[in-house]
N, C-alpha and C. Protein backbone atom coordinates (compact mmCIF):
# COMPACT_ATOMS: atom_id res chain seq x y z
N UNK A 1 -45.10 -176.30 149.16
CA UNK A 1 -46.10 -175.94 148.16
C UNK A 1 -47.46 -176.53 148.51
N UNK A 2 -47.44 -177.79 148.98
CA UNK A 2 -48.70 -178.44 149.31
C UNK A 2 -49.41 -177.69 150.43
N UNK A 3 -48.66 -177.25 151.45
CA UNK A 3 -49.28 -176.52 152.56
C UNK A 3 -49.93 -175.23 152.10
N UNK A 4 -49.26 -174.47 151.20
CA UNK A 4 -49.85 -173.22 150.73
C UNK A 4 -51.08 -173.48 149.87
N UNK A 5 -51.07 -174.58 149.11
CA UNK A 5 -52.24 -174.95 148.31
C UNK A 5 -53.42 -175.30 149.21
N UNK A 6 -53.15 -176.08 150.26
CA UNK A 6 -54.21 -176.44 151.21
C UNK A 6 -54.73 -175.21 151.94
N UNK A 7 -53.82 -174.32 152.30
CA UNK A 7 -54.22 -173.08 152.97
C UNK A 7 -55.10 -172.23 152.05
N UNK A 8 -54.74 -172.18 150.76
CA UNK A 8 -55.55 -171.46 149.80
C UNK A 8 -56.95 -172.03 149.68
N UNK A 9 -57.05 -173.34 149.63
CA UNK A 9 -58.37 -173.99 149.57
C UNK A 9 -59.18 -173.68 150.83
N UNK A 10 -58.49 -173.72 151.99
CA UNK A 10 -59.18 -173.42 153.24
C UNK A 10 -59.71 -172.00 153.24
N UNK A 11 -58.89 -171.05 152.74
CA UNK A 11 -59.34 -169.67 152.65
C UNK A 11 -60.55 -169.52 151.74
N UNK A 12 -60.54 -170.21 150.61
CA UNK A 12 -61.67 -170.15 149.69
C UNK A 12 -62.93 -170.70 150.34
N UNK A 13 -62.79 -171.82 151.08
CA UNK A 13 -63.96 -172.39 151.77
C UNK A 13 -64.47 -171.42 152.84
N UNK A 14 -63.54 -170.78 153.57
CA UNK A 14 -63.96 -169.84 154.62
C UNK A 14 -64.67 -168.63 154.03
N UNK A 15 -64.15 -168.08 152.90
CA UNK A 15 -64.83 -166.93 152.29
C UNK A 15 -66.19 -167.34 151.73
N UNK A 16 -66.26 -168.53 151.15
CA UNK A 16 -67.55 -169.07 150.69
C UNK A 16 -68.53 -169.11 151.87
N UNK A 17 -68.05 -169.60 153.03
CA UNK A 17 -68.91 -169.70 154.21
C UNK A 17 -69.31 -168.33 154.74
N UNK A 18 -68.43 -167.34 154.63
CA UNK A 18 -68.78 -165.96 155.03
C UNK A 18 -69.95 -165.46 154.17
N UNK A 19 -69.85 -165.68 152.86
CA UNK A 19 -70.94 -165.25 151.97
C UNK A 19 -72.23 -165.98 152.30
N UNK A 20 -72.14 -167.27 152.52
CA UNK A 20 -73.34 -168.06 152.86
C UNK A 20 -73.97 -167.57 154.16
N UNK A 21 -73.13 -167.25 155.14
CA UNK A 21 -73.65 -166.77 156.43
C UNK A 21 -74.40 -165.46 156.28
N UNK A 22 -74.08 -164.70 155.25
CA UNK A 22 -74.76 -163.43 154.99
C UNK A 22 -75.99 -163.60 154.10
N UNK A 23 -76.27 -164.84 153.70
CA UNK A 23 -77.47 -165.13 152.92
C UNK A 23 -77.25 -165.23 151.42
N UNK A 24 -75.99 -165.21 150.98
CA UNK A 24 -75.69 -165.34 149.55
C UNK A 24 -75.09 -166.71 149.30
N UNK A 25 -75.77 -167.50 148.51
CA UNK A 25 -75.25 -168.82 148.16
C UNK A 25 -73.93 -168.66 147.43
N UNK A 26 -72.95 -169.45 147.79
CA UNK A 26 -71.63 -169.35 147.17
C UNK A 26 -70.98 -170.72 147.15
N UNK A 27 -70.03 -170.88 146.25
CA UNK A 27 -69.27 -172.13 146.17
C UNK A 27 -67.90 -171.83 145.59
N UNK A 28 -66.97 -172.75 145.80
CA UNK A 28 -65.63 -172.59 145.24
C UNK A 28 -65.71 -172.74 143.74
N UNK A 29 -64.96 -171.89 143.04
CA UNK A 29 -64.94 -171.95 141.58
C UNK A 29 -64.10 -173.11 141.09
N UNK A 30 -64.27 -173.44 139.82
CA UNK A 30 -63.41 -174.44 139.20
C UNK A 30 -62.02 -173.85 139.09
N UNK A 31 -61.04 -174.57 139.48
CA UNK A 31 -59.69 -174.03 139.57
C UNK A 31 -58.90 -174.25 138.29
N UNK A 32 -59.18 -173.38 137.31
CA UNK A 32 -58.36 -173.35 136.10
C UNK A 32 -57.25 -172.34 136.35
N UNK A 33 -56.40 -172.16 135.39
CA UNK A 33 -55.30 -171.21 135.60
C UNK A 33 -55.71 -169.81 135.18
N UNK A 34 -56.44 -169.14 136.05
CA UNK A 34 -56.76 -167.73 135.89
C UNK A 34 -57.56 -167.36 134.67
N UNK A 35 -58.85 -167.19 134.84
CA UNK A 35 -59.70 -166.70 133.76
C UNK A 35 -61.00 -166.21 134.39
N UNK A 36 -61.82 -165.47 133.61
CA UNK A 36 -63.11 -165.04 134.15
C UNK A 36 -64.00 -166.21 134.54
N UNK A 37 -63.73 -167.39 133.98
CA UNK A 37 -64.53 -168.57 134.28
C UNK A 37 -64.03 -169.33 135.50
N UNK A 38 -63.01 -168.82 136.15
CA UNK A 38 -62.47 -169.56 137.30
C UNK A 38 -62.15 -168.66 138.49
N UNK A 39 -63.14 -167.90 138.99
CA UNK A 39 -62.86 -167.14 140.21
C UNK A 39 -62.66 -168.11 141.37
N UNK A 40 -62.00 -167.65 142.41
CA UNK A 40 -61.77 -168.52 143.56
C UNK A 40 -63.09 -168.92 144.22
N UNK A 41 -64.02 -167.97 144.31
CA UNK A 41 -65.33 -168.22 144.89
C UNK A 41 -66.38 -167.61 143.98
N UNK A 42 -67.43 -168.37 143.71
CA UNK A 42 -68.53 -167.92 142.85
C UNK A 42 -69.75 -167.67 143.72
N UNK A 43 -70.39 -166.53 143.50
CA UNK A 43 -71.62 -166.20 144.22
C UNK A 43 -72.64 -165.78 143.16
N UNK A 44 -73.59 -166.66 142.88
CA UNK A 44 -74.56 -166.40 141.81
C UNK A 44 -75.41 -165.17 142.09
N UNK A 45 -75.61 -164.82 143.36
CA UNK A 45 -76.39 -163.63 143.70
C UNK A 45 -75.59 -162.35 143.45
N UNK A 46 -74.28 -162.46 143.29
CA UNK A 46 -73.41 -161.32 143.01
C UNK A 46 -72.62 -161.62 141.74
N UNK A 47 -73.31 -161.79 140.61
CA UNK A 47 -72.63 -162.26 139.40
C UNK A 47 -71.67 -161.24 138.80
N UNK A 48 -71.73 -160.01 139.26
CA UNK A 48 -70.87 -158.95 138.73
C UNK A 48 -69.52 -158.88 139.43
N UNK A 49 -69.31 -159.68 140.50
CA UNK A 49 -68.05 -159.64 141.24
C UNK A 49 -67.19 -160.86 140.91
N UNK A 50 -65.91 -160.60 140.70
CA UNK A 50 -64.91 -161.66 140.58
C UNK A 50 -64.10 -161.64 141.87
N UNK A 51 -64.23 -162.68 142.69
CA UNK A 51 -63.52 -162.76 143.96
C UNK A 51 -62.19 -163.47 143.81
N UNK A 52 -61.12 -162.79 144.14
CA UNK A 52 -59.80 -163.39 144.32
C UNK A 52 -59.62 -163.54 145.83
N UNK A 53 -59.35 -164.74 146.31
CA UNK A 53 -59.29 -164.99 147.75
C UNK A 53 -57.86 -165.30 148.16
N UNK A 54 -57.39 -164.60 149.18
CA UNK A 54 -56.03 -164.80 149.68
C UNK A 54 -56.07 -165.00 151.19
N UNK A 55 -55.49 -166.10 151.63
CA UNK A 55 -55.38 -166.41 153.05
C UNK A 55 -53.90 -166.65 153.33
N UNK A 56 -53.17 -165.56 153.56
CA UNK A 56 -51.72 -165.63 153.74
C UNK A 56 -51.31 -164.66 154.85
N UNK A 57 -50.15 -164.89 155.39
CA UNK A 57 -49.64 -164.02 156.45
C UNK A 57 -49.07 -162.72 155.88
N UNK A 58 -48.42 -162.78 154.75
CA UNK A 58 -47.82 -161.58 154.14
C UNK A 58 -48.36 -161.44 152.73
N UNK A 59 -49.37 -160.65 152.60
CA UNK A 59 -50.04 -160.49 151.31
C UNK A 59 -49.43 -159.32 150.54
N UNK A 60 -49.09 -159.57 149.30
CA UNK A 60 -48.72 -158.50 148.37
C UNK A 60 -50.03 -158.06 147.72
N UNK A 61 -50.70 -157.11 148.37
CA UNK A 61 -52.04 -156.70 147.96
C UNK A 61 -52.08 -156.14 146.54
N UNK A 62 -51.14 -155.28 146.13
CA UNK A 62 -51.17 -154.82 144.73
C UNK A 62 -51.06 -155.97 143.73
N UNK A 63 -50.23 -156.97 144.02
CA UNK A 63 -50.11 -158.12 143.12
C UNK A 63 -51.41 -158.92 143.08
N UNK A 64 -52.05 -159.09 144.25
CA UNK A 64 -53.32 -159.81 144.30
C UNK A 64 -54.40 -159.07 143.51
N UNK A 65 -54.42 -157.74 143.64
CA UNK A 65 -55.41 -156.97 142.90
C UNK A 65 -55.13 -157.03 141.40
N UNK A 66 -53.86 -157.00 141.01
CA UNK A 66 -53.52 -157.14 139.59
C UNK A 66 -53.95 -158.49 139.06
N UNK A 67 -53.79 -159.54 139.86
CA UNK A 67 -54.25 -160.86 139.45
C UNK A 67 -55.76 -160.86 139.25
N UNK A 68 -56.49 -160.25 140.19
CA UNK A 68 -57.95 -160.17 140.07
C UNK A 68 -58.35 -159.39 138.82
N UNK A 69 -57.64 -158.29 138.53
CA UNK A 69 -57.92 -157.51 137.31
C UNK A 69 -57.70 -158.33 136.05
N UNK A 70 -56.59 -159.09 136.03
CA UNK A 70 -56.29 -159.91 134.85
C UNK A 70 -57.34 -160.99 134.61
N UNK A 71 -57.86 -161.55 135.71
CA UNK A 71 -58.73 -162.71 135.60
C UNK A 71 -60.22 -162.39 135.57
N UNK A 72 -60.60 -161.13 135.79
CA UNK A 72 -62.02 -160.83 136.04
C UNK A 72 -62.88 -160.72 134.79
N UNK A 73 -62.29 -160.53 133.62
CA UNK A 73 -63.11 -160.34 132.43
C UNK A 73 -63.96 -159.09 132.60
N UNK A 74 -65.28 -159.18 132.30
CA UNK A 74 -66.15 -158.01 132.44
C UNK A 74 -66.63 -157.75 133.88
N UNK A 75 -66.27 -158.62 134.80
CA UNK A 75 -66.73 -158.49 136.19
C UNK A 75 -65.87 -157.48 136.95
N UNK A 76 -66.32 -157.14 138.15
CA UNK A 76 -65.60 -156.21 139.02
C UNK A 76 -64.62 -157.01 139.88
N UNK A 77 -63.32 -156.69 139.80
CA UNK A 77 -62.34 -157.44 140.59
C UNK A 77 -62.33 -157.00 142.05
N UNK A 78 -62.35 -157.99 142.94
CA UNK A 78 -62.24 -157.72 144.36
C UNK A 78 -61.37 -158.80 144.99
N UNK A 79 -60.60 -158.41 145.99
CA UNK A 79 -59.76 -159.36 146.72
C UNK A 79 -60.30 -159.48 148.14
N UNK A 80 -60.71 -160.70 148.51
CA UNK A 80 -61.09 -161.01 149.88
C UNK A 80 -59.85 -161.62 150.53
N UNK A 81 -59.41 -161.07 151.65
CA UNK A 81 -58.15 -161.53 152.22
C UNK A 81 -58.16 -161.48 153.74
N UNK A 82 -57.37 -162.37 154.30
CA UNK A 82 -57.18 -162.36 155.75
C UNK A 82 -55.90 -163.12 156.07
N UNK A 83 -55.45 -162.93 157.29
CA UNK A 83 -54.34 -163.72 157.80
C UNK A 83 -54.80 -164.39 159.09
N UNK A 84 -53.97 -165.23 159.65
CA UNK A 84 -54.35 -165.98 160.87
C UNK A 84 -54.85 -165.05 161.97
N UNK A 85 -55.92 -165.48 162.61
CA UNK A 85 -56.46 -164.82 163.79
C UNK A 85 -56.95 -163.39 163.50
N UNK A 86 -57.19 -163.06 162.26
CA UNK A 86 -57.71 -161.74 161.89
C UNK A 86 -58.97 -161.93 161.06
N UNK A 87 -59.77 -160.91 160.99
CA UNK A 87 -61.03 -161.01 160.25
C UNK A 87 -60.82 -160.74 158.76
N UNK A 88 -61.82 -161.05 157.98
CA UNK A 88 -61.75 -160.87 156.53
C UNK A 88 -61.81 -159.39 156.17
N UNK A 89 -61.02 -159.02 155.17
CA UNK A 89 -61.04 -157.69 154.57
C UNK A 89 -61.34 -157.85 153.09
N UNK A 90 -61.85 -156.79 152.48
CA UNK A 90 -62.14 -156.79 151.04
C UNK A 90 -61.53 -155.54 150.43
N UNK A 91 -60.76 -155.74 149.35
CA UNK A 91 -60.12 -154.63 148.65
C UNK A 91 -60.70 -154.52 147.26
N UNK A 92 -60.93 -153.27 146.83
CA UNK A 92 -61.54 -152.98 145.53
C UNK A 92 -60.93 -151.72 144.94
N UNK A 93 -61.22 -151.49 143.66
CA UNK A 93 -60.79 -150.24 143.03
C UNK A 93 -61.53 -149.08 143.70
N UNK A 94 -60.87 -147.94 143.75
CA UNK A 94 -61.46 -146.79 144.45
C UNK A 94 -62.79 -146.36 143.82
N UNK A 95 -62.91 -146.47 142.51
CA UNK A 95 -64.18 -146.08 141.86
C UNK A 95 -65.33 -146.93 142.37
N UNK A 96 -65.12 -148.23 142.49
CA UNK A 96 -66.17 -149.11 143.02
C UNK A 96 -66.50 -148.74 144.46
N UNK A 97 -65.49 -148.42 145.24
CA UNK A 97 -65.69 -147.97 146.61
C UNK A 97 -66.59 -146.73 146.64
N UNK A 98 -66.31 -145.77 145.75
CA UNK A 98 -67.14 -144.57 145.69
C UNK A 98 -68.57 -144.90 145.30
N UNK A 99 -68.76 -145.81 144.36
CA UNK A 99 -70.11 -146.22 143.99
C UNK A 99 -70.84 -146.72 145.24
N UNK A 100 -70.17 -147.55 146.02
CA UNK A 100 -70.79 -148.13 147.21
C UNK A 100 -71.11 -147.08 148.26
N UNK A 101 -70.22 -146.11 148.44
CA UNK A 101 -70.42 -145.09 149.48
C UNK A 101 -71.72 -144.32 149.30
N UNK A 102 -71.99 -143.95 148.08
CA UNK A 102 -73.15 -143.10 147.84
C UNK A 102 -74.31 -143.82 147.17
N UNK A 103 -74.18 -145.15 147.06
CA UNK A 103 -75.20 -145.89 146.31
C UNK A 103 -75.44 -145.17 144.99
N UNK A 104 -74.35 -144.90 144.34
CA UNK A 104 -74.29 -144.04 143.16
C UNK A 104 -74.66 -144.83 141.91
N UNK A 105 -75.94 -144.92 141.61
CA UNK A 105 -76.37 -145.75 140.49
C UNK A 105 -75.97 -145.18 139.14
N UNK A 106 -75.86 -143.87 139.02
CA UNK A 106 -75.48 -143.29 137.73
C UNK A 106 -73.98 -143.34 137.53
N UNK A 107 -73.23 -143.35 138.61
CA UNK A 107 -71.78 -143.36 138.52
C UNK A 107 -71.17 -141.97 138.39
N UNK A 108 -72.01 -140.93 138.31
CA UNK A 108 -71.48 -139.58 138.10
C UNK A 108 -70.60 -139.12 139.25
N UNK A 109 -71.07 -139.29 140.48
CA UNK A 109 -70.29 -138.85 141.63
C UNK A 109 -68.99 -139.65 141.71
N UNK A 110 -69.09 -140.96 141.55
CA UNK A 110 -67.90 -141.82 141.63
C UNK A 110 -66.87 -141.45 140.57
N UNK A 111 -67.31 -141.24 139.34
CA UNK A 111 -66.37 -140.91 138.28
C UNK A 111 -65.75 -139.53 138.50
N UNK A 112 -66.56 -138.58 138.97
CA UNK A 112 -66.03 -137.25 139.25
C UNK A 112 -64.97 -137.31 140.35
N UNK A 113 -65.25 -138.05 141.41
CA UNK A 113 -64.29 -138.16 142.51
C UNK A 113 -63.04 -138.89 142.08
N UNK A 114 -63.18 -139.90 141.24
CA UNK A 114 -62.02 -140.64 140.77
C UNK A 114 -61.10 -139.74 139.95
N UNK A 115 -61.69 -138.90 139.12
CA UNK A 115 -60.89 -138.04 138.24
C UNK A 115 -60.35 -136.79 138.93
N UNK A 116 -61.15 -136.21 139.83
CA UNK A 116 -60.86 -134.85 140.30
C UNK A 116 -60.47 -134.70 141.76
N UNK A 117 -60.32 -135.80 142.49
CA UNK A 117 -59.93 -135.62 143.88
C UNK A 117 -59.19 -136.86 144.37
N UNK A 118 -58.56 -136.71 145.52
CA UNK A 118 -57.91 -137.83 146.17
C UNK A 118 -58.87 -138.39 147.22
N UNK A 119 -58.66 -139.62 147.67
CA UNK A 119 -59.62 -140.21 148.61
C UNK A 119 -59.91 -139.38 149.85
N UNK A 120 -58.91 -138.70 150.40
CA UNK A 120 -59.15 -137.91 151.62
C UNK A 120 -60.21 -136.83 151.35
N UNK A 121 -60.15 -136.19 150.18
CA UNK A 121 -61.14 -135.16 149.84
C UNK A 121 -62.51 -135.78 149.61
N UNK A 122 -62.57 -136.84 148.83
CA UNK A 122 -63.85 -137.48 148.52
C UNK A 122 -64.52 -138.00 149.78
N UNK A 123 -63.75 -138.62 150.65
CA UNK A 123 -64.34 -139.21 151.85
C UNK A 123 -64.82 -138.17 152.84
N UNK A 124 -64.25 -136.97 152.80
CA UNK A 124 -64.74 -135.90 153.70
C UNK A 124 -66.19 -135.55 153.41
N UNK A 125 -66.66 -135.84 152.21
CA UNK A 125 -68.06 -135.55 151.88
C UNK A 125 -69.02 -136.58 152.46
N UNK A 126 -68.50 -137.65 153.03
CA UNK A 126 -69.33 -138.71 153.59
C UNK A 126 -69.15 -138.67 155.11
N UNK A 127 -70.07 -138.05 155.80
CA UNK A 127 -69.86 -137.72 157.21
C UNK A 127 -69.80 -138.94 158.13
N UNK A 128 -70.32 -140.08 157.71
CA UNK A 128 -70.33 -141.26 158.56
C UNK A 128 -69.11 -142.16 158.35
N UNK A 129 -68.13 -141.70 157.57
CA UNK A 129 -66.98 -142.53 157.22
C UNK A 129 -65.66 -141.87 157.60
N UNK A 130 -64.74 -142.67 158.14
CA UNK A 130 -63.36 -142.24 158.32
C UNK A 130 -62.51 -143.04 157.35
N UNK A 131 -61.72 -142.35 156.54
CA UNK A 131 -60.86 -143.02 155.56
C UNK A 131 -59.40 -142.71 155.90
N UNK A 132 -58.66 -143.74 156.24
CA UNK A 132 -57.22 -143.61 156.48
C UNK A 132 -56.54 -143.72 155.12
N UNK A 133 -55.73 -142.74 154.76
CA UNK A 133 -55.12 -142.70 153.44
C UNK A 133 -53.64 -143.05 153.55
N UNK A 134 -53.23 -144.04 152.75
CA UNK A 134 -51.85 -144.52 152.72
C UNK A 134 -51.29 -144.26 151.33
N UNK A 135 -50.22 -143.51 151.23
CA UNK A 135 -49.59 -143.25 149.93
C UNK A 135 -48.74 -144.42 149.46
N UNK A 136 -48.29 -145.24 150.39
CA UNK A 136 -47.42 -146.35 150.01
C UNK A 136 -48.24 -147.58 149.64
N UNK A 137 -47.64 -148.49 148.88
CA UNK A 137 -48.37 -149.68 148.48
C UNK A 137 -47.98 -150.91 149.29
N UNK A 138 -46.93 -150.84 150.08
CA UNK A 138 -46.54 -151.97 150.92
C UNK A 138 -46.80 -151.62 152.38
N UNK A 139 -47.75 -152.30 152.98
CA UNK A 139 -48.08 -152.09 154.38
C UNK A 139 -48.90 -153.29 154.84
N UNK A 140 -49.08 -153.41 156.12
CA UNK A 140 -49.90 -154.49 156.67
C UNK A 140 -51.35 -154.01 156.71
N UNK A 141 -52.18 -154.57 155.86
CA UNK A 141 -53.56 -154.09 155.74
C UNK A 141 -54.34 -154.28 157.03
N UNK A 142 -54.12 -155.38 157.75
CA UNK A 142 -54.85 -155.58 158.99
C UNK A 142 -54.43 -154.56 160.05
N UNK A 143 -53.15 -154.27 160.16
CA UNK A 143 -52.69 -153.27 161.13
C UNK A 143 -53.23 -151.88 160.79
N UNK A 144 -53.23 -151.53 159.52
CA UNK A 144 -53.75 -150.22 159.12
C UNK A 144 -55.26 -150.13 159.32
N UNK A 145 -55.97 -151.22 159.10
CA UNK A 145 -57.41 -151.21 159.36
C UNK A 145 -57.68 -151.04 160.85
N UNK A 146 -56.85 -151.67 161.68
CA UNK A 146 -57.01 -151.51 163.12
C UNK A 146 -56.76 -150.06 163.54
N UNK A 147 -55.77 -149.43 162.95
CA UNK A 147 -55.50 -148.02 163.23
C UNK A 147 -56.67 -147.16 162.76
N UNK A 148 -57.20 -147.45 161.59
CA UNK A 148 -58.36 -146.69 161.08
C UNK A 148 -59.55 -146.84 162.02
N UNK A 149 -59.75 -148.06 162.56
CA UNK A 149 -60.86 -148.29 163.49
C UNK A 149 -60.71 -147.43 164.74
N UNK A 150 -59.48 -147.35 165.25
CA UNK A 150 -59.24 -146.53 166.44
C UNK A 150 -59.49 -145.05 166.15
N UNK A 151 -59.11 -144.59 164.98
CA UNK A 151 -59.29 -143.18 164.61
C UNK A 151 -60.75 -142.83 164.31
N UNK A 152 -61.53 -143.83 163.90
CA UNK A 152 -62.88 -143.57 163.39
C UNK A 152 -63.90 -143.24 164.46
N UNK A 153 -63.67 -143.66 165.69
CA UNK A 153 -64.70 -143.46 166.70
C UNK A 153 -65.92 -144.30 166.37
N UNK A 154 -67.07 -143.65 166.26
CA UNK A 154 -68.32 -144.36 165.96
C UNK A 154 -68.58 -144.52 164.47
N UNK A 155 -67.75 -143.91 163.65
CA UNK A 155 -67.97 -143.96 162.20
C UNK A 155 -67.49 -145.27 161.59
N UNK A 156 -67.97 -145.55 160.39
CA UNK A 156 -67.41 -146.64 159.60
C UNK A 156 -66.02 -146.22 159.16
N UNK A 157 -65.20 -147.18 158.74
CA UNK A 157 -63.83 -146.85 158.39
C UNK A 157 -63.34 -147.68 157.21
N UNK A 158 -62.33 -147.14 156.54
CA UNK A 158 -61.72 -147.78 155.38
C UNK A 158 -60.28 -147.32 155.30
N UNK A 159 -59.49 -148.02 154.50
CA UNK A 159 -58.12 -147.59 154.20
C UNK A 159 -58.02 -147.44 152.69
N UNK A 160 -57.61 -146.24 152.25
CA UNK A 160 -57.35 -146.00 150.82
C UNK A 160 -55.84 -146.06 150.63
N UNK A 161 -55.41 -146.74 149.58
CA UNK A 161 -53.98 -146.93 149.35
C UNK A 161 -53.72 -147.07 147.86
N UNK A 162 -52.48 -146.88 147.48
CA UNK A 162 -52.11 -146.95 146.07
C UNK A 162 -51.51 -148.31 145.72
N UNK A 163 -51.69 -148.69 144.45
CA UNK A 163 -50.95 -149.86 143.97
C UNK A 163 -49.63 -149.38 143.37
N UNK A 164 -48.87 -150.27 142.81
CA UNK A 164 -47.54 -149.90 142.30
C UNK A 164 -47.60 -148.91 141.14
N UNK A 165 -48.70 -148.92 140.41
CA UNK A 165 -48.86 -147.99 139.28
C UNK A 165 -49.46 -146.66 139.71
N UNK A 166 -49.71 -146.49 140.99
CA UNK A 166 -50.26 -145.24 141.50
C UNK A 166 -51.77 -145.16 141.51
N UNK A 167 -52.46 -146.25 141.12
CA UNK A 167 -53.92 -146.27 141.15
C UNK A 167 -54.41 -146.47 142.57
N UNK A 168 -55.51 -145.81 142.91
CA UNK A 168 -56.06 -145.91 144.25
C UNK A 168 -56.91 -147.16 144.40
N UNK A 169 -56.78 -147.81 145.56
CA UNK A 169 -57.61 -148.93 145.97
C UNK A 169 -58.21 -148.58 147.32
N UNK A 170 -59.23 -149.32 147.72
CA UNK A 170 -59.83 -149.13 149.05
C UNK A 170 -60.03 -150.49 149.69
N UNK A 171 -59.76 -150.56 150.98
CA UNK A 171 -59.96 -151.79 151.75
C UNK A 171 -60.95 -151.51 152.87
N UNK A 172 -61.90 -152.42 153.02
CA UNK A 172 -62.91 -152.32 154.08
C UNK A 172 -63.00 -153.67 154.78
N UNK A 173 -63.63 -153.68 155.95
CA UNK A 173 -63.88 -154.95 156.62
C UNK A 173 -64.96 -155.70 155.85
N UNK A 174 -64.99 -157.01 156.03
CA UNK A 174 -66.05 -157.81 155.40
C UNK A 174 -67.42 -157.33 155.88
N UNK A 175 -67.51 -156.97 157.15
CA UNK A 175 -68.78 -156.48 157.70
C UNK A 175 -69.26 -155.25 156.93
N UNK A 176 -68.37 -154.30 156.70
CA UNK A 176 -68.74 -153.10 155.95
C UNK A 176 -69.07 -153.46 154.51
N UNK A 177 -68.29 -154.36 153.91
CA UNK A 177 -68.56 -154.80 152.54
C UNK A 177 -69.97 -155.37 152.43
N UNK A 178 -70.37 -156.21 153.37
CA UNK A 178 -71.71 -156.79 153.32
C UNK A 178 -72.78 -155.71 153.51
N UNK A 179 -72.48 -154.71 154.32
CA UNK A 179 -73.43 -153.60 154.47
C UNK A 179 -73.53 -152.81 153.16
N UNK A 180 -72.41 -152.63 152.48
CA UNK A 180 -72.45 -152.00 151.15
C UNK A 180 -73.42 -152.76 150.25
N UNK A 181 -73.26 -154.07 150.21
CA UNK A 181 -74.07 -154.89 149.30
C UNK A 181 -75.56 -154.79 149.62
N UNK A 182 -75.87 -154.68 150.90
CA UNK A 182 -77.28 -154.58 151.31
C UNK A 182 -77.82 -153.16 151.28
N UNK A 183 -76.94 -152.18 151.15
CA UNK A 183 -77.38 -150.79 151.23
C UNK A 183 -77.70 -150.38 152.65
N UNK A 184 -77.05 -151.00 153.63
CA UNK A 184 -77.32 -150.74 155.05
C UNK A 184 -76.46 -149.64 155.64
N UNK A 185 -75.73 -148.91 154.84
CA UNK A 185 -74.90 -147.83 155.37
C UNK A 185 -75.70 -146.54 155.43
N UNK A 186 -75.32 -145.64 156.33
CA UNK A 186 -75.99 -144.35 156.35
C UNK A 186 -75.83 -143.66 155.00
N UNK A 187 -76.73 -142.78 154.68
CA UNK A 187 -76.60 -142.07 153.41
C UNK A 187 -76.34 -140.60 153.69
N UNK A 188 -75.96 -139.89 152.67
CA UNK A 188 -75.87 -138.45 152.78
C UNK A 188 -74.48 -137.89 152.74
N UNK A 189 -74.39 -136.75 152.14
CA UNK A 189 -73.17 -135.97 152.07
C UNK A 189 -73.21 -134.97 153.20
N UNK A 190 -72.08 -134.40 153.55
CA UNK A 190 -72.10 -133.24 154.45
C UNK A 190 -72.83 -132.11 153.74
N UNK A 191 -73.77 -131.57 154.40
CA UNK A 191 -74.55 -130.48 153.78
C UNK A 191 -73.96 -129.14 154.17
N UNK A 192 -73.80 -128.26 153.19
CA UNK A 192 -73.30 -126.91 153.48
C UNK A 192 -74.42 -126.14 154.19
N UNK A 193 -74.01 -125.38 155.16
CA UNK A 193 -74.99 -124.56 155.87
C UNK A 193 -75.43 -123.42 154.97
N UNK A 194 -76.70 -123.20 154.89
CA UNK A 194 -77.20 -122.09 154.10
C UNK A 194 -77.60 -120.96 155.04
N UNK A 195 -77.24 -119.76 154.69
CA UNK A 195 -77.58 -118.63 155.56
C UNK A 195 -78.97 -118.14 155.21
N UNK A 196 -79.67 -117.70 156.24
CA UNK A 196 -81.04 -117.21 156.02
C UNK A 196 -81.02 -115.70 155.99
């Protein structure tokens, strides 16, 4: 138990340092037993995000996301996770992912896509993105991200997957997540050709 607790603390410090390296001041949260007042990592520049941090070899991602949902209060739940010798990944609800893809300030596109399409359809409208879609909820997120990277070519990539209740989630690399936050991703939908 002590080793897993120390590993958890190390993961929280590493994710804090990732945020700091990107220019966002961050610190480890007060470790109460799960509440909106005790995220694993606090970033005052991103006050709308509740970070659940997992540094484990075998992550039950749906359970981690459910924990983040339970503890986030009014904030947006996100899970920052990695395993040994692999880079950080960030998992979020699919609606939040859609908001990020289109810098959708009104939320109309994101809500429409959440209600009326599956991730493969929604992502086809974003020409600079490859989205690997997984129907199952148990898989190795790092291996699937690596497969998505190989399939993507020069495009950005993500993995869309379901939790146990059938809700869609999306996982991206930390690098892509930070680009989302800065608005550094390409913009634009695939445009239909108009005939003259």
